Amino acid sequence: MRLQPLTICEKAVITEALKSGKRFDFRHLEEFREVRLIVGAEVGTAICSIGNTKVMAAVSAHIAEPSPMRPHKGVINIDVDLSPMANY
């Protein structure tokens, strides 16, 4: 996610590309990037790529006894690891 506003030049390039029926990366508006999904060798892992963008995902779960204080409640923990090279 971009945190800085677009410059006047960037806005002009994007506007012209859209007027000519192209995206900023010069694909046609109806043209999609190639999508690939590879199921990993380890259970619960996968790699998804959309064009040159790649994401690796891993999920795991275990069943545990609920807390006596909340016998009908569960817990979900979510961990996210981002590469220092990742753009978000």
C-alpha atoms as a PDB file:
ATOM      1  CA  MET A   1       0.000   0.000   0.000  1.00  0.00           C
ATOM      2  CA  ARG A   2       1.408   3.342  -1.024  1.00  0.00           C
ATOM      3  CA  LEU A   3       1.701   5.836   1.821  1.00  0.00           C
ATOM      4  CA  GLN A   4       2.671   8.877  -0.273  1.00  0.00           C
ATOM      5  CA  PRO A   5       0.363  10.775  -2.639  1.00  0.00           C
ATOM      6  CA  LEU A   6       1.017  10.499  -6.377  1.00  0.00           C
ATOM      7  CA  THR A   7       3.096  13.215  -8.000  1.00  0.00           C
ATOM      8  CA  ILE A   8       1.601  15.362 -10.774  1.00  0.00           C
ATOM      9  CA  CYS A   9       3.694  13.445 -13.344  1.00  0.00           C
ATOM     10  CA  GLU A  10       2.536  10.057 -12.018  1.00  0.00           C
ATOM     11  CA  LYS A  11      -1.097  11.189 -12.139  1.00  0.00           C
ATOM     12  CA  ALA A  12      -0.646  12.381 -15.735  1.00  0.00           C
ATOM     13  CA  VAL A  13       0.885   9.071 -16.877  1.00  0.00           C
ATOM     14  CA  ILE A  14      -1.842   7.023 -15.195  1.00  0.00           C
ATOM     15  CA  THR A  15      -4.609   9.257 -16.577  1.00  0.00           C
ATOM     16  CA  GLU A  16      -3.243   9.026 -20.133  1.00  0.00           C
ATOM     17  CA  ALA A  17      -2.834   5.260 -19.887  1.00  0.00           C
ATOM     18  CA  LEU A  18      -6.440   4.852 -18.719  1.00  0.00           C
ATOM     19  CA  LYS A  19      -7.745   7.171 -21.455  1.00  0.00           C
ATOM     20  CA  SER A  20      -6.002   5.001 -24.055  1.00  0.00           C
ATOM     21  CA  GLY A  21      -7.517   1.826 -22.574  1.00  0.00           C
ATOM     22  CA  LYS A  22      -4.323   0.656 -20.883  1.00  0.00           C
ATOM     23  CA  ARG A  23      -3.280   0.089 -17.298  1.00  0.00           C
ATOM     24  CA  PHE A  24      -0.284   1.782 -15.701  1.00  0.00           C
ATOM     25  CA  ASP A  25       1.818  -1.290 -16.582  1.00  0.00           C
ATOM     26  CA  PHE A  26       0.512  -1.008 -20.192  1.00  0.00           C
ATOM     27  CA  ARG A  27      -1.707  -4.111 -20.097  1.00  0.00           C
ATOM     28  CA  HIS A  28      -5.136  -3.667 -21.662  1.00  0.00           C
ATOM     29  CA  LEU A  29      -7.904  -2.976 -19.155  1.00  0.00           C
ATOM     30  CA  GLU A  30      -9.374  -6.453 -19.724  1.00  0.00           C
ATOM     31  CA  GLU A  31      -5.977  -8.209 -19.650  1.00  0.00           C
ATOM     32  CA  PHE A  32      -5.147 -10.082 -16.463  1.00  0.00           C
ATOM     33  CA  ARG A  33      -1.808 -11.223 -15.107  1.00  0.00           C
ATOM     34  CA  GLU A  34      -1.142 -14.958 -15.087  1.00  0.00           C
ATOM     35  CA  VAL A  35      -2.307 -16.625 -11.873  1.00  0.00           C
ATOM     36  CA  ARG A  36      -0.569 -19.778 -10.633  1.00  0.00           C
ATOM     37  CA  LEU A  37      -1.216 -21.768  -7.478  1.00  0.00           C
ATOM     38  CA  ILE A  38       1.244 -24.430  -6.395  1.00  0.00           C
ATOM     39  CA  VAL A  39       0.340 -26.668  -3.471  1.00  0.00           C
ATOM     40  CA  GLY A  40       3.417 -27.168  -1.330  1.00  0.00           C
ATOM     41  CA  ALA A  41       5.067 -30.449  -0.416  1.00  0.00           C
ATOM     42  CA  GLU A  42       4.348 -29.790   3.266  1.00  0.00           C
ATOM     43  CA  VAL A  43       0.734 -30.118   4.419  1.00  0.00           C
ATOM     44  CA  GLY A  44      -0.930 -26.698   4.642  1.00  0.00           C
ATOM     45  CA  THR A  45       1.517 -24.817   2.420  1.00  0.00           C
ATOM     46  CA  ALA A  46       1.059 -23.161  -0.954  1.00  0.00           C
ATOM     47  CA  ILE A  47       2.657 -20.601  -3.240  1.00  0.00           C
ATOM     48  CA  CYS A  48       0.473 -18.248  -5.256  1.00  0.00           C
ATOM     49  CA  SER A  49       1.845 -16.025  -7.986  1.00  0.00           C
ATOM     50  CA  ILE A  50       0.041 -13.292  -9.877  1.00  0.00           C
ATOM     51  CA  GLY A  51       2.369 -12.026 -12.567  1.00  0.00           C
ATOM     52  CA  ASN A  52       5.706 -11.370 -10.859  1.00  0.00           C
ATOM     53  CA  THR A  53       4.126 -11.079  -7.401  1.00  0.00           C
ATOM     54  CA  LYS A  54       4.572 -14.178  -5.239  1.00  0.00           C
ATOM     55  CA  VAL A  55       3.089 -15.095  -1.877  1.00  0.00           C
ATOM     56  CA  MET A  56       3.837 -18.133   0.238  1.00  0.00           C
ATOM     57  CA  ALA A  57       1.224 -19.211   2.757  1.00  0.00           C
ATOM     58  CA  ALA A  58       1.283 -21.810   5.489  1.00  0.00           C
ATOM     59  CA  VAL A  59      -1.543 -22.742   7.824  1.00  0.00           C
ATOM     60  CA  SER A  60      -1.588 -25.001  10.832  1.00  0.00           C
ATOM     61  CA  ALA A  61      -3.991 -25.794  13.616  1.00  0.00           C
ATOM     62  CA  HIS A  62      -4.213 -27.739  16.818  1.00  0.00           C
ATOM     63  CA  ILE A  63      -7.110 -28.541  19.085  1.00  0.00           C
ATOM     64  CA  ALA A  64      -6.797 -27.480  22.699  1.00  0.00           C
ATOM     65  CA  GLU A  65      -8.968 -27.598  25.790  1.00  0.00           C
ATOM     66  CA  PRO A  66     -10.980 -24.408  26.337  1.00  0.00           C
ATOM     67  CA  SER A  67     -10.176 -22.308  29.357  1.00  0.00           C
ATOM     68  CA  PRO A  68     -12.297 -23.230  32.414  1.00  0.00           C
ATOM     69  CA  MET A  69     -13.206 -19.528  32.653  1.00  0.00           C
ATOM     70  CA  ARG A  70     -14.615 -19.610  29.093  1.00  0.00           C
ATOM     71  CA  PRO A  71     -15.627 -23.178  28.342  1.00  0.00           C
ATOM     72  CA  HIS A  72     -17.549 -22.270  25.175  1.00  0.00           C
ATOM     73  CA  LYS A  73     -14.951 -19.939  23.665  1.00  0.00           C
ATOM     74  CA  GLY A  74     -12.024 -20.729  21.405  1.00  0.00           C
ATOM     75  CA  VAL A  75      -8.816 -18.982  20.443  1.00  0.00           C
ATOM     76  CA  ILE A  76      -7.437 -18.147  17.014  1.00  0.00           C
ATOM     77  CA  ASN A  77      -3.875 -16.896  16.668  1.00  0.00           C
ATOM     78  CA  ILE A  78      -2.749 -15.316  13.405  1.00  0.00           C
ATOM     79  CA  ASP A  79       0.927 -14.736  12.685  1.00  0.00           C
ATOM     80  CA  VAL A  80       2.150 -12.773   9.673  1.00  0.00           C
ATOM     81  CA  ASP A  81       5.774 -12.690   8.597  1.00  0.00           C
ATOM     82  CA  LEU A  82       6.702 -10.112   5.967  1.00  0.00           C
ATOM     83  CA  SER A  83       9.954 -10.119   4.086  1.00  0.00           C
ATOM     84  CA  PRO A  84      11.951  -6.891   4.491  1.00  0.00           C
ATOM     85  CA  MET A  85      11.841  -6.726   0.684  1.00  0.00           C
ATOM     86  CA  ALA A  86       8.016  -6.920   0.581  1.00  0.00           C
ATOM     87  CA  ASN A  87       5.927  -3.959  -0.522  1.00  0.00           C
ATOM     88  CA  TYR A  88       2.687  -3.431   1.333  1.00  0.00           C
END
